[in-house]
């Protein structure tokens, strides 16, 4: 049985364990996964690899996920790529701020596989 790839997702996460967990969930669900451990690397990969969707953490060294969101949405080449923020920040203000920065969905950690996939599906339909 062959798996039909649903698309390519760029995961931006500085925690190796979180990165592996998200990557596992997504690959198992039929997505092609690109990994970046920081926002600067993510910006380069978003332009060179042209993913269908980006899942990013908020708290990362150098540049936050919010700043990454703003940069991606300002760039004509990446403006239309849906962004799912995946963060341990669970206050409503964080969620609202993420959406104002251009995020399309927000998932709080710890998350289940279903929560992550639901958020991704909600912005790719």
Protein backbone atom coordinates (compact mmCIF):
# COMPACT_ATOMS: atom_id res chain seq x y z
CA UNK A 1 0.00 0.00 0.00
CA UNK A 2 1.49 3.34 -0.99
CA UNK A 3 1.03 6.47 1.06
CA UNK A 4 -0.18 9.49 -0.84
CA UNK A 5 1.77 12.51 0.30
CA UNK A 6 -0.58 15.21 1.50
CA UNK A 7 1.97 17.98 1.11
CA UNK A 8 5.19 19.34 2.55
CA UNK A 9 5.30 20.86 6.02
CA UNK A 10 8.19 22.89 7.41
CA UNK A 11 8.52 22.40 11.18
CA UNK A 12 10.38 25.13 13.07
CA UNK A 13 11.25 23.99 16.59
CA UNK A 14 14.40 24.45 18.69
CA UNK A 15 13.65 21.53 21.04
CA UNK A 16 14.98 18.28 19.48
CA UNK A 17 12.38 16.11 21.24
CA UNK A 18 9.44 18.32 20.15
CA UNK A 19 10.84 18.46 16.62
CA UNK A 20 11.07 14.67 16.45
CA UNK A 21 7.59 14.19 17.91
CA UNK A 22 5.94 16.57 15.44
CA UNK A 23 7.94 15.11 12.58
CA UNK A 24 6.86 11.60 13.54
CA UNK A 25 3.16 12.54 13.78
CA UNK A 26 3.21 14.28 10.41
CA UNK A 27 5.24 11.69 8.51
CA UNK A 28 3.01 8.94 9.89
CA UNK A 29 0.01 10.90 8.60
CA UNK A 30 1.39 11.12 5.07
CA UNK A 31 3.13 14.50 5.03
CA UNK A 32 6.60 15.23 3.72
CA UNK A 33 8.55 17.01 6.49
CA UNK A 34 11.30 19.62 6.36
CA UNK A 35 12.93 20.58 9.67
CA UNK A 36 14.45 23.83 10.88
CA UNK A 37 15.76 24.48 14.38
CA UNK A 38 15.46 28.26 14.23
CA UNK A 39 13.62 31.08 12.50
CA UNK A 40 16.55 32.23 10.33
CA UNK A 41 17.01 28.71 8.95
CA UNK A 42 13.23 28.48 8.50
CA UNK A 43 13.12 31.66 6.40
CA UNK A 44 15.80 30.24 4.07
CA UNK A 45 14.05 26.86 3.79
CA UNK A 46 10.63 28.47 3.26
CA UNK A 47 12.04 30.25 0.21
CA UNK A 48 14.14 27.39 -1.18
CA UNK A 49 11.82 24.44 -0.47
CA UNK A 50 8.44 26.19 -0.78
CA UNK A 51 6.49 24.14 1.79
CA UNK A 52 2.69 23.92 1.68
CA UNK A 53 2.44 24.81 5.36
CA UNK A 54 4.66 25.90 8.27
CA UNK A 55 4.36 24.81 11.90
CA UNK A 56 6.44 26.99 14.22
CA UNK A 57 7.25 27.33 17.89
CA UNK A 58 7.12 30.82 19.43
CA UNK A 59 9.98 30.88 21.93
CA UNK A 60 13.23 30.32 20.04
CA UNK A 61 16.69 31.88 20.29
CA UNK A 62 17.42 34.78 17.94
CA UNK A 63 14.02 35.34 16.37
CA UNK A 64 10.63 34.39 17.82
CA UNK A 65 7.91 32.51 15.98
CA UNK A 66 5.88 35.74 15.98
CA UNK A 67 8.70 37.58 14.17
CA UNK A 68 9.07 34.65 11.77
CA UNK A 69 5.34 34.87 11.06
CA UNK A 70 5.58 38.58 10.26
CA UNK A 71 8.59 38.06 7.98
CA UNK A 72 6.90 35.25 6.06
CA UNK A 73 3.66 37.20 5.62
CA UNK A 74 5.56 40.30 4.38
CA UNK A 75 7.43 38.33 1.71
CA UNK A 76 5.43 37.93 -1.54
CA UNK A 77 7.03 34.49 -2.08
CA UNK A 78 5.77 33.10 1.25
CA UNK A 79 2.78 35.35 2.00
CA UNK A 80 0.17 32.71 1.15
CA UNK A 81 1.75 29.81 3.07
CA UNK A 82 -0.50 28.88 6.04
CA UNK A 83 1.23 29.06 9.43
CA UNK A 84 0.31 27.04 12.51
CA UNK A 85 1.84 28.27 15.74
CA UNK A 86 2.58 25.53 18.25
CA UNK A 87 3.49 26.99 21.62
CA UNK A 88 3.50 26.38 25.35
CA UNK A 89 2.11 29.92 25.73
CA UNK A 90 -1.53 29.14 26.51
CA UNK A 91 -3.03 32.53 27.30
CA UNK A 92 -5.76 33.96 25.09
CA UNK A 93 -3.62 37.07 24.53
CA UNK A 94 -0.88 34.85 23.01
CA UNK A 95 -3.37 33.28 20.65
CA UNK A 96 -4.75 36.67 19.61
CA UNK A 97 -1.26 38.09 19.14
CA UNK A 98 -0.28 35.10 16.98
CA UNK A 99 -3.28 35.65 14.73
CA UNK A 100 -2.46 39.36 14.45
CA UNK A 101 1.08 38.44 13.34
CA UNK A 102 -0.37 36.40 10.50
CA UNK A 103 -0.71 32.91 11.99
CA UNK A 104 -3.61 30.88 10.62
CA UNK A 105 -4.02 28.50 13.58
CA UNK A 106 -2.70 28.08 17.12
CA UNK A 107 -2.01 24.86 19.03
CA UNK A 108 -0.85 24.80 22.65
CA UNK A 109 1.70 22.35 24.02
CA UNK A 110 1.42 19.68 25.14
CA UNK A 111 -0.69 18.66 22.16
CA UNK A 112 -2.04 15.39 20.88
CA UNK A 113 -1.49 14.12 17.38
CA UNK A 114 -5.18 14.81 16.68
CA UNK A 115 -4.94 18.44 17.82
CA UNK A 116 -1.93 19.05 15.59
CA UNK A 117 -3.53 17.39 12.55
CA UNK A 118 -6.85 19.17 13.12
CA UNK A 119 -5.08 22.55 13.16
CA UNK A 120 -3.20 21.69 9.96
CA UNK A 121 -6.34 20.46 8.21
CA UNK A 122 -8.26 23.57 9.31
CA UNK A 123 -5.92 25.84 7.34
CA UNK A 124 -5.29 23.66 4.27
CA UNK A 125 -8.83 22.96 3.14
